[in-house]
Amino acid sequence: MNIIGKAVLAATVGAAAFAATPSQAYDWGLAVKIASVEATYMPNVVAFTADRAVGTCAAGHQLLYIPTGDTADLKAHNANAVFSMLISARLAQQWVVITGNNANCTVLFVNMQ
């Protein structure tokens, strides 16, 4: 397969995957620095605080990330990955983009900058 064929195949697969993914609504998304990370509720919930307000959640208010996955093992792995990223961001003072909902200050996505 030549380079053009590979590009068309990649675009087709990417479009199909995007079309099959349900859209998720969220209230906010912004870059923050992590103020604290709590391990108490792991692996069911990753709790942390940010340096600024996000949506209606005040600065310092506990934000909750609920791990995703089809099985308990996958949810635990997801929780550990997000927890590790938040700890790393906290120690390195790196920006993290969080996206979530005002209801219960829940976080849907966590991305390190």
PDB file of N, CA and C in Angstrom:
ATOM      1  N   MET A   1       0.858  -1.173   0.000  1.00  0.00           N
ATOM      2  CA  MET A   1       0.000   0.000   0.000  1.00  0.00           C
ATOM      3  C   MET A   1       0.903   1.235   0.000  1.00  0.00           C
ATOM      4  N   ASN A   2       0.588   2.180  -0.886  1.00  0.00           N
ATOM      5  CA  ASN A   2       1.394   3.392  -0.956  1.00  0.00           C
ATOM      6  C   ASN A   2       0.996   4.390   0.139  1.00  0.00           C
ATOM      7  N   ILE A   3       1.697   5.478   0.203  1.00  0.00           N
ATOM      8  CA  ILE A   3       1.486   6.469   1.258  1.00  0.00           C
ATOM      9  C   ILE A   3       0.095   7.090   1.189  1.00  0.00           C
ATOM     10  N   ILE A   4      -0.434   7.304  -0.015  1.00  0.00           N
ATOM     11  CA  ILE A   4      -1.765   7.889  -0.155  1.00  0.00           C
ATOM     12  C   ILE A   4      -2.823   6.899   0.347  1.00  0.00           C
ATOM     13  N   GLY A   5      -2.647   5.632   0.013  1.00  0.00           N
ATOM     14  CA  GLY A   5      -3.578   4.606   0.490  1.00  0.00           C
ATOM     15  C   GLY A   5      -3.573   4.516   2.001  1.00  0.00           C
ATOM     16  N   LYS A   6      -2.383   4.604   2.604  1.00  0.00           N
ATOM     17  CA  LYS A   6      -2.282   4.566   4.060  1.00  0.00           C
ATOM     18  C   LYS A   6      -2.965   5.774   4.694  1.00  0.00           C
ATOM     19  N   ALA A   7      -2.797   6.940   4.073  1.00  0.00           N
ATOM     20  CA  ALA A   7      -3.420   8.154   4.601  1.00  0.00           C
ATOM     21  C   ALA A   7      -4.943   8.064   4.525  1.00  0.00           C
ATOM     22  N   VAL A   8      -5.459   7.536   3.409  1.00  0.00           N
ATOM     23  CA  VAL A   8      -6.903   7.388   3.257  1.00  0.00           C
ATOM     24  C   VAL A   8      -7.433   6.388   4.269  1.00  0.00           C
ATOM     25  N   LEU A   9      -6.730   5.277   4.447  1.00  0.00           N
ATOM     26  CA  LEU A   9      -7.144   4.269   5.422  1.00  0.00           C
ATOM     27  C   LEU A   9      -7.157   4.846   6.831  1.00  0.00           C
ATOM     28  N   ALA A  10      -6.113   5.579   7.186  1.00  0.00           N
ATOM     29  CA  ALA A  10      -6.035   6.177   8.520  1.00  0.00           C
ATOM     30  C   ALA A  10      -7.163   7.183   8.737  1.00  0.00           C
ATOM     31  N   ALA A  11      -7.451   7.993   7.712  1.00  0.00           N
ATOM     32  CA  ALA A  11      -8.528   8.981   7.827  1.00  0.00           C
ATOM     33  C   ALA A  11      -9.881   8.302   7.974  1.00  0.00           C
ATOM     34  N   THR A  12     -10.085   7.227   7.231  1.00  0.00           N
ATOM     35  CA  THR A  12     -11.351   6.497   7.297  1.00  0.00           C
ATOM     36  C   THR A  12     -11.546   5.861   8.668  1.00  0.00           C
ATOM     37  N   VAL A  13     -10.505   5.206   9.170  1.00  0.00           N
ATOM     38  CA  VAL A  13     -10.584   4.581  10.490  1.00  0.00           C
ATOM     39  C   VAL A  13     -10.811   5.634  11.565  1.00  0.00           C
ATOM     40  N   GLY A  14     -10.098   6.749  11.472  1.00  0.00           N
ATOM     41  CA  GLY A  14     -10.254   7.829  12.452  1.00  0.00           C
ATOM     42  C   GLY A  14     -11.652   8.413  12.433  1.00  0.00           C
ATOM     43  N   ALA A  15     -12.206   8.624  11.244  1.00  0.00           N
ATOM     44  CA  ALA A  15     -13.561   9.172  11.138  1.00  0.00           C
ATOM     45  C   ALA A  15     -14.582   8.196  11.691  1.00  0.00           C
ATOM     46  N   ALA A  16     -14.402   6.912  11.413  1.00  0.00           N
ATOM     47  CA  ALA A  16     -15.334   5.898  11.917  1.00  0.00           C
ATOM     48  C   ALA A  16     -15.284   5.831  13.436  1.00  0.00           C
ATOM     49  N   ALA A  17     -14.088   5.891  13.996  1.00  0.00           N
ATOM     50  CA  ALA A  17     -13.952   5.844  15.452  1.00  0.00           C
ATOM     51  C   ALA A  17     -14.583   7.067  16.091  1.00  0.00           C
ATOM     52  N   PHE A  18     -14.384   8.240  15.466  1.00  0.00           N
ATOM     53  CA  PHE A  18     -14.958   9.472  16.003  1.00  0.00           C
ATOM     54  C   PHE A  18     -16.479   9.438  15.935  1.00  0.00           C
ATOM     55  N   ALA A  19     -17.024   8.937  14.828  1.00  0.00           N
ATOM     56  CA  ALA A  19     -18.468   8.882  14.655  1.00  0.00           C
ATOM     57  C   ALA A  19     -19.102   7.895  15.627  1.00  0.00           C
ATOM     58  N   ALA A  20     -18.368   6.848  16.003  1.00  0.00           N
ATOM     59  CA  ALA A  20     -18.917   5.831  16.895  1.00  0.00           C
ATOM     60  C   ALA A  20     -18.823   6.229  18.366  1.00  0.00           C
ATOM     61  N   THR A  21     -18.077   7.284  18.668  1.00  0.00           N
ATOM     62  CA  THR A  21     -17.881   7.718  20.045  1.00  0.00           C
ATOM     63  C   THR A  21     -19.019   8.646  20.453  1.00  0.00           C
ATOM     64  N   PRO A  22     -19.749   8.324  21.515  1.00  0.00           N
ATOM     65  CA  PRO A  22     -20.826   9.213  21.941  1.00  0.00           C
ATOM     66  C   PRO A  22     -20.245  10.513  22.483  1.00  0.00           C
ATOM     67  N   SER A  23     -20.919  11.610  22.214  1.00  0.00           N
ATOM     68  CA  SER A  23     -20.431  12.889  22.711  1.00  0.00           C
ATOM     69  C   SER A  23     -20.766  13.009  24.190  1.00  0.00           C
ATOM     70  N   GLN A  24     -19.864  13.623  24.925  1.00  0.00           N
ATOM     71  CA  GLN A  24     -20.092  13.839  26.344  1.00  0.00           C
ATOM     72  C   GLN A  24     -20.176  15.339  26.586  1.00  0.00           C
ATOM     73  N   ALA A  25     -21.191  15.726  27.295  1.00  0.00           N
ATOM     74  CA  ALA A  25     -21.356  17.132  27.620  1.00  0.00           C
ATOM     75  C   ALA A  25     -20.540  17.465  28.864  1.00  0.00           C
ATOM     76  N   TYR A  26     -19.997  18.646  28.877  1.00  0.00           N
ATOM     77  CA  TYR A  26     -19.267  19.103  30.049  1.00  0.00           C
ATOM     78  C   TYR A  26     -19.483  20.596  30.201  1.00  0.00           C
ATOM     79  N   ASP A  27     -19.251  21.089  31.421  1.00  0.00           N
ATOM     80  CA  ASP A  27     -19.495  22.491  31.736  1.00  0.00           C
ATOM     81  C   ASP A  27     -18.257  23.369  31.609  1.00  0.00           C
ATOM     82  N   TRP A  28     -17.090  22.796  31.821  1.00  0.00           N
ATOM     83  CA  TRP A  28     -15.876  23.594  31.798  1.00  0.00           C
ATOM     84  C   TRP A  28     -14.683  22.745  31.397  1.00  0.00           C
ATOM     85  N   GLY A  29     -13.638  23.435  30.999  1.00  0.00           N
ATOM     86  CA  GLY A  29     -12.358  22.823  30.690  1.00  0.00           C
ATOM     87  C   GLY A  29     -11.307  23.918  30.730  1.00  0.00           C
ATOM     88  N   LEU A  30     -10.310  23.757  31.554  1.00  0.00           N
ATOM     89  CA  LEU A  30      -9.270  24.773  31.646  1.00  0.00           C
ATOM     90  C   LEU A  30      -7.993  24.215  32.250  1.00  0.00           C
ATOM     91  N   ALA A  31      -6.924  24.953  32.048  1.00  0.00           N
ATOM     92  CA  ALA A  31      -5.619  24.563  32.578  1.00  0.00           C
ATOM     93  C   ALA A  31      -5.500  25.038  34.026  1.00  0.00           C
ATOM     94  N   VAL A  32      -5.050  24.143  34.879  1.00  0.00           N
ATOM     95  CA  VAL A  32      -4.873  24.441  36.304  1.00  0.00           C
ATOM     96  C   VAL A  32      -3.552  23.844  36.765  1.00  0.00           C
ATOM     97  N   LYS A  33      -3.125  24.269  37.919  1.00  0.00           N
ATOM     98  CA  LYS A  33      -2.040  23.596  38.611  1.00  0.00           C
ATOM     99  C   LYS A  33      -2.672  22.835  39.771  1.00  0.00           C
ATOM    100  N   ILE A  34      -2.158  21.658  40.041  1.00  0.00           N
ATOM    101  CA  ILE A  34      -2.721  20.790  41.061  1.00  0.00           C
ATOM    102  C   ILE A  34      -2.219  21.245  42.435  1.00  0.00           C
ATOM    103  N   ALA A  35      -3.151  21.500  43.340  1.00  0.00           N
ATOM    104  CA  ALA A  35      -2.795  21.957  44.680  1.00  0.00           C
ATOM    105  C   ALA A  35      -2.601  20.780  45.633  1.00  0.00           C
ATOM    106  N   SER A  36      -3.439  19.744  45.496  1.00  0.00           N
ATOM    107  CA  SER A  36      -3.308  18.566  46.361  1.00  0.00           C
ATOM    108  C   SER A  36      -3.948  17.365  45.675  1.00  0.00           C
ATOM    109  N   VAL A  37      -3.503  16.177  46.083  1.00  0.00           N
ATOM    110  CA  VAL A  37      -4.061  14.925  45.578  1.00  0.00           C
ATOM    111  C   VAL A  37      -4.311  14.030  46.784  1.00  0.00           C
ATOM    112  N   GLU A  38      -5.488  13.410  46.816  1.00  0.00           N
ATOM    113  CA  GLU A  38      -5.857  12.568  47.952  1.00  0.00           C
ATOM    114  C   GLU A  38      -6.018  11.118  47.499  1.00  0.00           C
ATOM    115  N   ALA A  39      -5.423  10.194  48.246  1.00  0.00           N
ATOM    116  CA  ALA A  39      -5.460   8.769  47.898  1.00  0.00           C
ATOM    117  C   ALA A  39      -6.509   7.993  48.688  1.00  0.00           C
ATOM    118  N   THR A  40      -7.223   8.634  49.575  1.00  0.00           N
ATOM    119  CA  THR A  40      -8.143   7.961  50.481  1.00  0.00           C
ATOM    120  C   THR A  40      -9.183   7.095  49.771  1.00  0.00           C
ATOM    121  N   TYR A  41      -9.702   7.574  48.660  1.00  0.00           N
ATOM    122  CA  TYR A  41     -10.814   6.886  48.005  1.00  0.00           C
ATOM    123  C   TYR A  41     -10.391   6.020  46.819  1.00  0.00           C
ATOM    124  N   MET A  42      -9.100   5.882  46.617  1.00  0.00           N
ATOM    125  CA  MET A  42      -8.581   5.067  45.514  1.00  0.00           C
ATOM    126  C   MET A  42      -8.965   3.612  45.715  1.00  0.00           C
ATOM    127  N   PRO A  43      -9.237   2.835  44.695  1.00  0.00           N
ATOM    128  CA  PRO A  43      -9.230   3.179  43.277  1.00  0.00           C
ATOM    129  C   PRO A  43     -10.602   3.591  42.752  1.00  0.00           C
ATOM    130  N   ASN A  44     -11.571   3.826  43.635  1.00  0.00           N
ATOM    131  CA  ASN A  44     -12.917   4.177  43.175  1.00  0.00           C
ATOM    132  C   ASN A  44     -13.054   5.622  42.736  1.00  0.00           C
ATOM    133  N   VAL A  45     -12.295   6.508  43.362  1.00  0.00           N
ATOM    134  CA  VAL A  45     -12.349   7.943  43.058  1.00  0.00           C
ATOM    135  C   VAL A  45     -10.957   8.529  43.250  1.00  0.00           C
ATOM    136  N   VAL A  46     -10.569   9.405  42.327  1.00  0.00           N
ATOM    137  CA  VAL A  46      -9.337  10.166  42.488  1.00  0.00           C
ATOM    138  C   VAL A  46      -9.769  11.578  42.871  1.00  0.00           C
ATOM    139  N   ALA A  47      -9.467  11.975  44.093  1.00  0.00           N
ATOM    140  CA  ALA A  47      -9.855  13.293  44.598  1.00  0.00           C
ATOM    141  C   ALA A  47      -8.634  14.208  44.596  1.00  0.00           C
ATOM    142  N   PHE A  48      -8.840  15.453  44.143  1.00  0.00           N
ATOM    143  CA  PHE A  48      -7.738  16.420  44.109  1.00  0.00           C
ATOM    144  C   PHE A  48      -8.291  17.828  44.131  1.00  0.00           C
ATOM    145  N   THR A  49      -7.421  18.801  44.354  1.00  0.00           N
ATOM    146  CA  THR A  49      -7.817  20.204  44.315  1.00  0.00           C
ATOM    147  C   THR A  49      -6.943  20.940  43.326  1.00  0.00           C
ATOM    148  N   ALA A  50      -7.502  22.025  42.797  1.00  0.00           N
ATOM    149  CA  ALA A  50      -6.788  22.857  41.823  1.00  0.00           C
ATOM    150  C   ALA A  50      -6.503  24.220  42.423  1.00  0.00           C
ATOM    151  N   ASP A  51      -5.614  24.953  41.779  1.00  0.00           N
ATOM    152  CA  ASP A  51      -5.198  26.256  42.282  1.00  0.00           C
ATOM    153  C   ASP A  51      -6.193  27.370  41.973  1.00  0.00           C
ATOM    154  N   ARG A  52      -7.228  27.072  41.218  1.00  0.00           N
ATOM    155  CA  ARG A  52      -8.201  28.104  40.837  1.00  0.00           C
ATOM    156  C   ARG A  52      -9.596  27.496  40.744  1.00  0.00           C
ATOM    157  N   ALA A  53     -10.578  28.359  40.663  1.00  0.00           N
ATOM    158  CA  ALA A  53     -11.955  27.889  40.506  1.00  0.00           C
ATOM    159  C   ALA A  53     -12.130  27.271  39.126  1.00  0.00           C
ATOM    160  N   VAL A  54     -12.928  26.212  39.073  1.00  0.00           N
ATOM    161  CA  VAL A  54     -13.291  25.597  37.796  1.00  0.00           C
ATOM    162  C   VAL A  54     -14.815  25.528  37.758  1.00  0.00           C
ATOM    163  N   GLY A  55     -15.407  26.245  36.828  1.00  0.00           N
ATOM    164  CA  GLY A  55     -16.862  26.324  36.784  1.00  0.00           C
ATOM    165  C   GLY A  55     -17.385  26.907  38.084  1.00  0.00           C
ATOM    166  N   THR A  56     -18.367  26.256  38.679  1.00  0.00           N
ATOM    167  CA  THR A  56     -18.920  26.731  39.949  1.00  0.00           C
ATOM    168  C   THR A  56     -18.188  26.148  41.158  1.00  0.00           C
ATOM    169  N   CYS A  57     -17.133  25.374  40.903  1.00  0.00           N
ATOM    170  CA  CYS A  57     -16.346  24.755  41.975  1.00  0.00           C
ATOM    171  C   CYS A  57     -15.221  25.712  42.376  1.00  0.00           C
ATOM    172  N   ALA A  58     -15.261  26.164  43.601  1.00  0.00           N
ATOM    173  CA  ALA A  58     -14.299  27.150  44.079  1.00  0.00           C
ATOM    174  C   ALA A  58     -12.882  26.594  44.113  1.00  0.00           C
ATOM    175  N   ALA A  59     -11.912  27.488  44.067  1.00  0.00           N
ATOM    176  CA  ALA A  59     -10.509  27.078  44.213  1.00  0.00           C
ATOM    177  C   ALA A  59     -10.370  26.360  45.546  1.00  0.00           C
ATOM    178  N   GLY A  60      -9.691  25.239  45.544  1.00  0.00           N
ATOM    179  CA  GLY A  60      -9.510  24.474  46.762  1.00  0.00           C
ATOM    180  C   GLY A  60     -10.629  23.483  47.042  1.00  0.00           C
ATOM    181  N   HIS A  61     -11.724  23.579  46.296  1.00  0.00           N
ATOM    182  CA  HIS A  61     -12.827  22.623  46.472  1.00  0.00           C
ATOM    183  C   HIS A  61     -12.400  21.282  45.870  1.00  0.00           C
ATOM    184  N   GLN A  62     -12.746  20.214  46.530  1.00  0.00           N
ATOM    185  CA  GLN A  62     -12.318  18.899  46.069  1.00  0.00           C
ATOM    186  C   GLN A  62     -12.995  18.532  44.745  1.00  0.00           C
ATOM    187  N   LEU A  63     -12.172  18.187  43.762  1.00  0.00           N
ATOM    188  CA  LEU A  63     -12.638  17.730  42.456  1.00  0.00           C
ATOM    189  C   LEU A  63     -12.553  16.218  42.445  1.00  0.00           C
ATOM    190  N   LEU A  64     -13.499  15.566  41.777  1.00  0.00           N
ATOM    191  CA  LEU A  64     -13.562  14.111  41.795  1.00  0.00           C
ATOM    192  C   LEU A  64     -13.478  13.540  40.383  1.00  0.00           C
ATOM    193  N   TYR A  65     -12.505  12.674  40.163  1.00  0.00           N
ATOM    194  CA  TYR A  65     -12.399  11.940  38.906  1.00  0.00           C
ATOM    195  C   TYR A  65     -12.855  10.516  39.185  1.00  0.00           C
ATOM    196  N   ILE A  66     -13.875  10.056  38.463  1.00  0.00           N
ATOM    197  CA  ILE A  66     -14.382   8.684  38.595  1.00  0.00           C
ATOM    198  C   ILE A  66     -13.741   7.858  37.486  1.00  0.00           C
ATOM    199  N   PRO A  67     -12.923   6.871  37.825  1.00  0.00           N
ATOM    200  CA  PRO A  67     -12.225   6.079  36.810  1.00  0.00           C
ATOM    201  C   PRO A  67     -13.196   5.377  35.861  1.00  0.00           C
ATOM    202  N   THR A  68     -12.751   5.197  34.627  1.00  0.00           N
ATOM    203  CA  THR A  68     -13.556   4.530  33.612  1.00  0.00           C
ATOM    204  C   THR A  68     -12.917   3.203  33.217  1.00  0.00           C
ATOM    205  N   GLY A  69     -13.738   2.328  32.669  1.00  0.00           N
ATOM    206  CA  GLY A  69     -13.266   1.031  32.210  1.00  0.00           C
ATOM    207  C   GLY A  69     -14.383   0.016  32.297  1.00  0.00           C
ATOM    208  N   ASP A  70     -14.276  -1.034  31.497  1.00  0.00           N
ATOM    209  CA  ASP A  70     -15.323  -2.054  31.445  1.00  0.00           C
ATOM    210  C   ASP A  70     -15.279  -3.028  32.615  1.00  0.00           C
ATOM    211  N   THR A  71     -14.120  -3.161  33.254  1.00  0.00           N
ATOM    212  CA  THR A  71     -13.981  -4.103  34.371  1.00  0.00           C
ATOM    213  C   THR A  71     -13.377  -3.380  35.569  1.00  0.00           C
ATOM    214  N   ALA A  72     -13.430  -4.019  36.714  1.00  0.00           N
ATOM    215  CA  ALA A  72     -12.844  -3.437  37.923  1.00  0.00           C
ATOM    216  C   ALA A  72     -11.341  -3.246  37.755  1.00  0.00           C
ATOM    217  N   ASP A  73     -10.676  -4.196  37.096  1.00  0.00           N
ATOM    218  CA  ASP A  73      -9.232  -4.071  36.852  1.00  0.00           C
ATOM    219  C   ASP A  73      -8.919  -2.863  35.980  1.00  0.00           C
ATOM    220  N   LEU A  74      -9.697  -2.674  34.906  1.00  0.00           N
ATOM    221  CA  LEU A  74      -9.453  -1.530  34.020  1.00  0.00           C
ATOM    222  C   LEU A  74      -9.722  -0.213  34.735  1.00  0.00           C
ATOM    223  N   LYS A  75     -10.748  -0.162  35.583  1.00  0.00           N
ATOM    224  CA  LYS A  75     -11.019   1.047  36.356  1.00  0.00           C
ATOM    225  C   LYS A  75      -9.884   1.335  37.328  1.00  0.00           C
ATOM    226  N   ALA A  76      -9.345   0.297  37.960  1.00  0.00           N
ATOM    227  CA  ALA A  76      -8.222   0.487  38.887  1.00  0.00           C
ATOM    228  C   ALA A  76      -6.986   0.978  38.144  1.00  0.00           C
ATOM    229  N   HIS A  77      -6.724   0.429  36.969  1.00  0.00           N
ATOM    230  CA  HIS A  77      -5.576   0.883  36.166  1.00  0.00           C
ATOM    231  C   HIS A  77      -5.770   2.343  35.745  1.00  0.00           C
ATOM    232  N   ASN A  78      -6.992   2.697  35.361  1.00  0.00           N
ATOM    233  CA  ASN A  78      -7.279   4.069  34.971  1.00  0.00           C
ATOM    234  C   ASN A  78      -7.080   5.015  36.149  1.00  0.00           C
ATOM    235  N   ALA A  79      -7.565   4.612  37.320  1.00  0.00           N
ATOM    236  CA  ALA A  79      -7.395   5.438  38.526  1.00  0.00           C
ATOM    237  C   ALA A  79      -5.916   5.631  38.842  1.00  0.00           C
ATOM    238  N   ASN A  80      -5.136   4.570  38.761  1.00  0.00           N
ATOM    239  CA  ASN A  80      -3.700   4.672  39.040  1.00  0.00           C
ATOM    240  C   ASN A  80      -2.994   5.574  38.042  1.00  0.00           C
ATOM    241  N   ALA A  81      -3.387   5.506  36.772  1.00  0.00           N
ATOM    242  CA  ALA A  81      -2.760   6.356  35.752  1.00  0.00           C
ATOM    243  C   ALA A  81      -3.058   7.828  36.019  1.00  0.00           C
ATOM    244  N   VAL A  82      -4.319   8.145  36.303  1.00  0.00           N
ATOM    245  CA  VAL A  82      -4.693   9.536  36.565  1.00  0.00           C
ATOM    246  C   VAL A  82      -4.052  10.018  37.866  1.00  0.00           C
ATOM    247  N   PHE A  83      -4.061   9.192  38.893  1.00  0.00           N
ATOM    248  CA  PHE A  83      -3.435   9.549  40.163  1.00  0.00           C
ATOM    249  C   PHE A  83      -1.945   9.856  39.952  1.00  0.00           C
ATOM    250  N   SER A  84      -1.258   8.999  39.203  1.00  0.00           N
ATOM    251  CA  SER A  84       0.170   9.205  38.924  1.00  0.00           C
ATOM    252  C   SER A  84       0.406  10.497  38.159  1.00  0.00           C
ATOM    253  N   MET A  85      -0.451  10.773  37.179  1.00  0.00           N
ATOM    254  CA  MET A  85      -0.300  12.002  36.405  1.00  0.00           C
ATOM    255  C   MET A  85      -0.481  13.224  37.294  1.00  0.00           C
ATOM    256  N   LEU A  86      -1.472  13.190  38.168  1.00  0.00           N
ATOM    257  CA  LEU A  86      -1.717  14.325  39.056  1.00  0.00           C
ATOM    258  C   LEU A  86      -0.570  14.536  40.039  1.00  0.00           C
ATOM    259  N   ILE A  87      -0.041  13.453  40.585  1.00  0.00           N
ATOM    260  CA  ILE A  87       1.116  13.561  41.490  1.00  0.00           C
ATOM    261  C   ILE A  87       2.315  14.142  40.745  1.00  0.00           C
ATOM    262  N   SER A  88       2.565  13.636  39.539  1.00  0.00           N
ATOM    263  CA  SER A  88       3.688  14.137  38.728  1.00  0.00           C
ATOM    264  C   SER A  88       3.520  15.620  38.426  1.00  0.00           C
ATOM    265  N   ALA A  89       2.316  16.014  38.042  1.00  0.00           N
ATOM    266  CA  ALA A  89       2.049  17.417  37.737  1.00  0.00           C
ATOM    267  C   ALA A  89       2.228  18.283  38.974  1.00  0.00           C
ATOM    268  N   ARG A  90       1.789  17.786  40.113  1.00  0.00           N
ATOM    269  CA  ARG A  90       1.931  18.533  41.371  1.00  0.00           C
ATOM    270  C   ARG A  90       3.396  18.743  41.716  1.00  0.00           C
ATOM    271  N   LEU A  91       4.176  17.683  41.646  1.00  0.00           N
ATOM    272  CA  LEU A  91       5.595  17.774  42.004  1.00  0.00           C
ATOM    273  C   LEU A  91       6.385  18.648  41.040  1.00  0.00           C
ATOM    274  N   ALA A  92       6.031  18.571  39.751  1.00  0.00           N
ATOM    275  CA  ALA A  92       6.759  19.338  38.730  1.00  0.00           C
ATOM    276  C   ALA A  92       6.149  20.716  38.488  1.00  0.00           C
ATOM    277  N   GLN A  93       5.038  21.012  39.182  1.00  0.00           N
ATOM    278  CA  GLN A  93       4.324  22.276  38.984  1.00  0.00           C
ATOM    279  C   GLN A  93       3.953  22.501  37.510  1.00  0.00           C
ATOM    280  N   GLN A  94       3.523  21.435  36.853  1.00  0.00           N
ATOM    281  CA  GLN A  94       3.098  21.494  35.461  1.00  0.00           C
ATOM    282  C   GLN A  94       1.610  21.793  35.377  1.00  0.00           C
ATOM    283  N   TRP A  95       1.209  22.397  34.264  1.00  0.00           N
ATOM    284  CA  TRP A  95      -0.202  22.651  34.014  1.00  0.00           C
ATOM    285  C   TRP A  95      -0.892  21.359  33.613  1.00  0.00           C
ATOM    286  N   VAL A  96      -2.123  21.203  34.055  1.00  0.00           N
ATOM    287  CA  VAL A  96      -2.965  20.072  33.688  1.00  0.00           C
ATOM    288  C   VAL A  96      -4.285  20.653  33.191  1.00  0.00           C
ATOM    289  N   VAL A  97      -4.764  20.163  32.060  1.00  0.00           N
ATOM    290  CA  VAL A  97      -6.067  20.583  31.563  1.00  0.00           C
ATOM    291  C   VAL A  97      -7.097  19.595  32.086  1.00  0.00           C
ATOM    292  N   ILE A  98      -8.068  20.114  32.824  1.00  0.00           N
ATOM    293  CA  ILE A  98      -9.139  19.262  33.330  1.00  0.00           C
ATOM    294  C   ILE A  98     -10.451  19.732  32.705  1.00  0.00           C
ATOM    295  N   THR A  99     -11.301  18.775  32.423  1.00  0.00           N
ATOM    296  CA  THR A  99     -12.597  19.047  31.820  1.00  0.00           C
ATOM    297  C   THR A  99     -13.640  18.330  32.662  1.00  0.00           C
ATOM    298  N   GLY A 100     -14.738  19.020  32.980  1.00  0.00           N
ATOM    299  CA  GLY A 100     -15.716  18.362  33.832  1.00  0.00           C
ATOM    300  C   GLY A 100     -17.032  19.081  33.945  1.00  0.00           C
ATOM    301  N   ASN A 101     -17.772  18.690  34.972  1.00  0.00           N
ATOM    302  CA  ASN A 101     -19.126  19.199  35.208  1.00  0.00           C
ATOM    303  C   ASN A 101     -19.230  19.880  36.567  1.00  0.00           C
ATOM    304  N   ASN A 102     -20.102  20.874  36.629  1.00  0.00           N
ATOM    305  CA  ASN A 102     -20.345  21.574  37.888  1.00  0.00           C
ATOM    306  C   ASN A 102     -20.994  20.657  38.925  1.00  0.00           C
ATOM    307  N   ALA A 103     -21.854  19.756  38.480  1.00  0.00           N
ATOM    308  CA  ALA A 103     -22.539  18.843  39.397  1.00  0.00           C
ATOM    309  C   ALA A 103     -21.515  17.980  40.126  1.00  0.00           C
ATOM    310  N   ASN A 104     -21.444  18.125  41.429  1.00  0.00           N
ATOM    311  CA  ASN A 104     -20.503  17.387  42.284  1.00  0.00           C
ATOM    312  C   ASN A 104     -19.039  17.630  41.945  1.00  0.00           C
ATOM    313  N   CYS A 105     -18.751  18.652  41.159  1.00  0.00           N
ATOM    314  CA  CYS A 105     -17.376  18.980  40.764  1.00  0.00           C
ATOM    315  C   CYS A 105     -16.665  17.747  40.191  1.00  0.00           C
ATOM    316  N   THR A 106     -17.317  17.071  39.275  1.00  0.00           N
ATOM    317  CA  THR A 106     -16.752  15.861  38.687  1.00  0.00           C
ATOM    318  C   THR A 106     -15.896  16.193  37.476  1.00  0.00           C
ATOM    319  N   VAL A 107     -14.797  15.474  37.363  1.00  0.00           N
ATOM    320  CA  VAL A 107     -13.842  15.644  36.274  1.00  0.00           C
ATOM    321  C   VAL A 107     -14.000  14.476  35.314  1.00  0.00           C
ATOM    322  N   LEU A 108     -14.095  14.775  34.020  1.00  0.00           N
ATOM    323  CA  LEU A 108     -14.250  13.742  32.989  1.00  0.00           C
ATOM    324  C   LEU A 108     -12.917  13.390  32.326  1.00  0.00           C
ATOM    325  N   PHE A 109     -12.091  14.414  32.085  1.00  0.00           N
ATOM    326  CA  PHE A 109     -10.836  14.216  31.373  1.00  0.00           C
ATOM    327  C   PHE A 109      -9.709  14.947  32.086  1.00  0.00           C
ATOM    328  N   VAL A 110      -8.508  14.351  32.068  1.00  0.00           N
ATOM    329  CA  VAL A 110      -7.316  14.959  32.651  1.00  0.00           C
ATOM    330  C   VAL A 110      -6.198  14.821  31.632  1.00  0.00           C
ATOM    331  N   ASN A 111      -5.614  15.960  31.236  1.00  0.00           N
ATOM    332  CA  ASN A 111      -4.526  15.956  30.248  1.00  0.00           C
ATOM    333  C   ASN A 111      -3.374  16.817  30.756  1.00  0.00           C
ATOM    334  N   MET A 112      -2.167  16.271  30.747  1.00  0.00           N
ATOM    335  CA  MET A 112      -1.013  17.056  31.177  1.00  0.00           C
ATOM    336  C   MET A 112      -0.480  17.854  30.003  1.00  0.00           C
ATOM    337  N   GLN A 113      -0.140  19.110  30.266  1.00  0.00           N
ATOM    338  CA  GLN A 113       0.415  19.993  29.230  1.00  0.00           C
ATOM    339  C   GLN A 113       1.893  19.779  29.093  1.00  0.00           C
TER     340      GLN A 113
END
